[in-house]
C-alpha atoms as a PDB file:
ATOM      1  CA  MET A   1      59.601-153.059 286.725  1.00  0.00           C
ATOM      2  CA  LEU A   2      58.631-151.355 283.513  1.00  0.00           C
ATOM      3  CA  PRO A   3      60.548-152.463 280.428  1.00  0.00           C
ATOM      4  CA  LYS A   4      63.257-150.017 279.335  1.00  0.00           C
ATOM      5  CA  ARG A   5      61.301-148.810 276.323  1.00  0.00           C
ATOM      6  CA  TYR A   6      58.556-147.519 278.655  1.00  0.00           C
ATOM      7  CA  ARG A   7      60.919-145.603 280.968  1.00  0.00           C
ATOM      8  CA  LEU A   8      62.342-142.105 280.777  1.00  0.00           C
ATOM      9  CA  ARG A   9      66.076-142.630 281.029  1.00  0.00           C
ATOM     10  CA  LYS A  10      67.938-139.656 279.584  1.00  0.00           C
ATOM     11  CA  ASN A  11      68.415-136.308 281.267  1.00  0.00           C
ATOM     12  CA  ILE A  12      67.126-134.465 278.184  1.00  0.00           C
ATOM     13  CA  GLU A  13      63.824-136.364 278.446  1.00  0.00           C
ATOM     14  CA  PHE A  14      63.410-135.264 282.058  1.00  0.00           C
ATOM     15  CA  VAL A  15      64.305-131.659 281.236  1.00  0.00           C
ATOM     16  CA  ALA A  16      61.850-131.579 278.320  1.00  0.00           C
ATOM     17  CA  THR A  17      59.037-132.955 280.488  1.00  0.00           C
ATOM     18  CA  TYR A  18      59.651-130.479 283.301  1.00  0.00           C
ATOM     19  CA  ALA A  19      59.886-127.633 280.748  1.00  0.00           C
ATOM     20  CA  GLN A  20      56.282-128.243 279.625  1.00  0.00           C
ATOM     21  CA  LYS A  21      55.102-126.951 283.027  1.00  0.00           C
ATOM     22  CA  LYS A  22      52.013-129.135 282.930  1.00  0.00           C
ATOM     23  CA  TYR A  23      51.405-130.773 286.263  1.00  0.00           C
ATOM     24  CA  VAL A  24      48.804-131.843 288.790  1.00  0.00           C
ATOM     25  CA  SER A  25      49.384-132.586 292.445  1.00  0.00           C
ATOM     26  CA  ASN A  26      47.755-133.583 295.691  1.00  0.00           C
ATOM     27  CA  SER A  27      49.121-133.966 299.194  1.00  0.00           C
ATOM     28  CA  TYR A  28      51.050-137.166 298.314  1.00  0.00           C
ATOM     29  CA  PHE A  29      52.164-136.939 294.658  1.00  0.00           C
ATOM     30  CA  THR A  30      52.986-134.601 291.797  1.00  0.00           C
ATOM     31  CA  ILE A  31      52.612-135.651 288.177  1.00  0.00           C
ATOM     32  CA  ASN A  32      54.520-133.727 285.495  1.00  0.00           C
ATOM     33  CA  ILE A  33      53.221-134.322 281.989  1.00  0.00           C
ATOM     34  CA  GLY A  34      54.997-133.899 278.659  1.00  0.00           C
ATOM     35  CA  LYS A  35      52.952-132.918 275.646  1.00  0.00           C
ATOM     36  CA  THR A  36      51.324-135.479 273.382  1.00  0.00           C
ATOM     37  CA  LYS A  37      52.511-136.533 269.973  1.00  0.00           C
ATOM     38  CA  PRO A  38      50.107-136.467 267.029  1.00  0.00           C
ATOM     39  CA  THR A  39      50.846-139.999 265.792  1.00  0.00           C
ATOM     40  CA  GLU A  40      49.598-143.268 267.245  1.00  0.00           C
ATOM     41  CA  ASP A  41      52.814-145.284 266.792  1.00  0.00           C
ATOM     42  CA  PHE A  42      54.719-143.994 269.802  1.00  0.00           C
ATOM     43  CA  ILE A  43      55.279-145.345 273.273  1.00  0.00           C
ATOM     44  CA  SER A  44      54.424-143.301 276.332  1.00  0.00           C
ATOM     45  CA  LYS A  45      57.286-143.154 278.802  1.00  0.00           C
ATOM     46  CA  ALA A  46      57.176-142.794 282.564  1.00  0.00           C
ATOM     47  CA  ALA A  47      59.566-142.081 285.425  1.00  0.00           C
ATOM     48  CA  PHE A  48      59.084-142.413 289.168  1.00  0.00           C
ATOM     49  CA  VAL A  49      60.972-140.043 291.442  1.00  0.00           C
ATOM     50  CA  VAL A  50      61.386-140.111 295.216  1.00  0.00           C
ATOM     51  CA  SER A  51      63.857-137.623 296.651  1.00  0.00           C
ATOM     52  CA  LYS A  52      65.971-137.942 299.769  1.00  0.00           C
ATOM     53  CA  LYS A  53      63.717-135.326 301.358  1.00  0.00           C
ATOM     54  CA  THR A  54      61.066-138.026 301.522  1.00  0.00           C
ATOM     55  CA  ASP A  55      63.265-140.369 303.544  1.00  0.00           C
ATOM     56  CA  LYS A  56      67.009-140.784 303.935  1.00  0.00           C
ATOM     57  CA  ARG A  57      66.794-144.580 303.747  1.00  0.00           C
ATOM     58  CA  ALA A  58      66.999-146.076 300.260  1.00  0.00           C
ATOM     59  CA  VAL A  59      64.818-149.001 301.356  1.00  0.00           C
ATOM     60  CA  VAL A  60      61.869-146.681 301.998  1.00  0.00           C
ATOM     61  CA  ARG A  61      62.394-144.690 298.785  1.00  0.00           C
ATOM     62  CA  ASN A  62      62.591-147.877 296.712  1.00  0.00           C
ATOM     63  CA  LYS A  63      59.422-149.235 298.330  1.00  0.00           C
ATOM     64  CA  ILE A  64      57.546-146.080 297.312  1.00  0.00           C
ATOM     65  CA  LYS A  65      58.877-146.337 293.749  1.00  0.00           C
ATOM     66  CA  ARG A  66      57.884-150.015 293.522  1.00  0.00           C
ATOM     67  CA  ARG A  67      54.366-149.137 294.628  1.00  0.00           C
ATOM     68  CA  MET A  68      54.077-146.313 292.099  1.00  0.00           C
ATOM     69  CA  ARG A  69      55.351-148.514 289.259  1.00  0.00           C
ATOM     70  CA  GLU A  70      52.956-151.337 290.105  1.00  0.00           C
ATOM     71  CA  ILE A  71      49.931-149.048 290.254  1.00  0.00           C
ATOM     72  CA  TYR A  72      50.938-147.383 286.975  1.00  0.00           C
ATOM     73  CA  LYS A  73      51.351-150.787 285.263  1.00  0.00           C
ATOM     74  CA  THR A  74      47.957-151.894 286.572  1.00  0.00           C
ATOM     75  CA  ILE A  75      46.304-148.750 285.245  1.00  0.00           C
ATOM     76  CA  LEU A  76      47.881-149.301 281.818  1.00  0.00           C
ATOM     77  CA  ARG A  77      46.665-152.920 281.767  1.00  0.00           C
ATOM     78  CA  GLU A  78      43.126-152.060 282.873  1.00  0.00           C
ATOM     79  CA  ASN A  79      42.633-149.057 280.619  1.00  0.00           C
ATOM     80  CA  PRO A  80      43.782-149.448 276.993  1.00  0.00           C
ATOM     81  CA  SER A  81      42.432-145.969 276.206  1.00  0.00           C
ATOM     82  CA  PHE A  82      44.799-144.411 278.747  1.00  0.00           C
ATOM     83  CA  PRO A  83      45.981-140.986 277.500  1.00  0.00           C
ATOM     84  CA  LYS A  84      49.056-141.294 275.364  1.00  0.00           C
ATOM     85  CA  TRP A  85      51.188-138.584 276.878  1.00  0.00           C
ATOM     86  CA  MET A  86      54.714-138.383 275.573  1.00  0.00           C
ATOM     87  CA  SER A  87      56.187-138.542 279.051  1.00  0.00           C
ATOM     88  CA  VAL A  88      55.043-138.679 282.655  1.00  0.00           C
ATOM     89  CA  ILE A  89      57.107-138.068 285.785  1.00  0.00           C
ATOM     90  CA  ILE A  90      55.425-139.133 289.014  1.00  0.00           C
ATOM     91  CA  SER A  91      57.088-137.675 292.107  1.00  0.00           C
ATOM     92  CA  ALA A  92      56.291-138.685 295.668  1.00  0.00           C
ATOM     93  CA  LYS A  93      56.057-136.186 298.492  1.00  0.00           C
ATOM     94  CA  PRO A  94      57.264-136.974 302.036  1.00  0.00           C
ATOM     95  CA  GLU A  95      53.703-137.740 303.207  1.00  0.00           C
ATOM     96  CA  ALA A  96      53.521-140.710 300.796  1.00  0.00           C
ATOM     97  CA  LYS A  97      55.695-142.899 303.021  1.00  0.00           C
ATOM     98  CA  ASP A  98      53.167-142.874 305.881  1.00  0.00           C
ATOM     99  CA  ILE A  99      50.058-144.200 304.108  1.00  0.00           C
ATOM    100  CA  ASP A 100      49.004-147.806 303.548  1.00  0.00           C
ATOM    101  CA  PHE A 101      48.877-149.390 300.091  1.00  0.00           C
ATOM    102  CA  LYS A 102      45.111-149.061 299.664  1.00  0.00           C
ATOM    103  CA  SER A 103      45.207-145.304 300.314  1.00  0.00           C
ATOM    104  CA  PHE A 104      48.368-145.014 298.206  1.00  0.00           C
ATOM    105  CA  ASP A 105      46.587-146.710 295.292  1.00  0.00           C
ATOM    106  CA  ARG A 106      43.442-144.599 295.641  1.00  0.00           C
ATOM    107  CA  GLU A 107      45.345-141.288 295.833  1.00  0.00           C
ATOM    108  CA  LEU A 108      47.566-142.051 292.836  1.00  0.00           C
ATOM    109  CA  ARG A 109      44.634-143.247 290.714  1.00  0.00           C
ATOM    110  CA  ASN A 110      42.625-140.124 291.595  1.00  0.00           C
ATOM    111  CA  LEU A 111      45.544-137.921 290.641  1.00  0.00           C
ATOM    112  CA  ILE A 112      46.065-139.703 287.324  1.00  0.00           C
ATOM    113  CA  HIS A 113      42.338-139.357 286.604  1.00  0.00           C
ATOM    114  CA  LYS A 114      42.578-135.644 287.430  1.00  0.00           C
ATOM    115  CA  ALA A 115      45.524-135.339 285.010  1.00  0.00           C
ATOM    116  CA  GLU A 116      43.504-137.110 282.303  1.00  0.00           C
ATOM    117  CA  GLU A 117      40.669-134.631 282.653  1.00  0.00           C
ATOM    118  CA  LYS A 118      42.969-131.625 282.683  1.00  0.00           C
ATOM    119  CA  TYR A 119      45.399-132.489 279.855  1.00  0.00           C
ATOM    120  CA  ASP A 120      43.599-134.907 277.558  1.00  0.00           C
END
């Protein structure tokens, strides 16, 4: 799990990120991106969202969120020059529950790379 300081937790943070209307998506995920801050002394925050439309069972939704968090943490560890967006909300679509971890990882990494190119 990400430490609390790296997570979006307040409703106003979610609303502000969605209000930016900057997003990229593929058939499995959607990434909403908040705008960047000009200073270097801030912490990027992330949230992982899986709705009940994806699956009614909490076990399945939590599994998807755990996968997304782990991949995101790995990307942050591997790439210190990762874009410092103010906030990121990664949402899973219903198709995300049916793919294996390797495909899940590849699709999410490709989408994050696409977001880097578009909004960096």
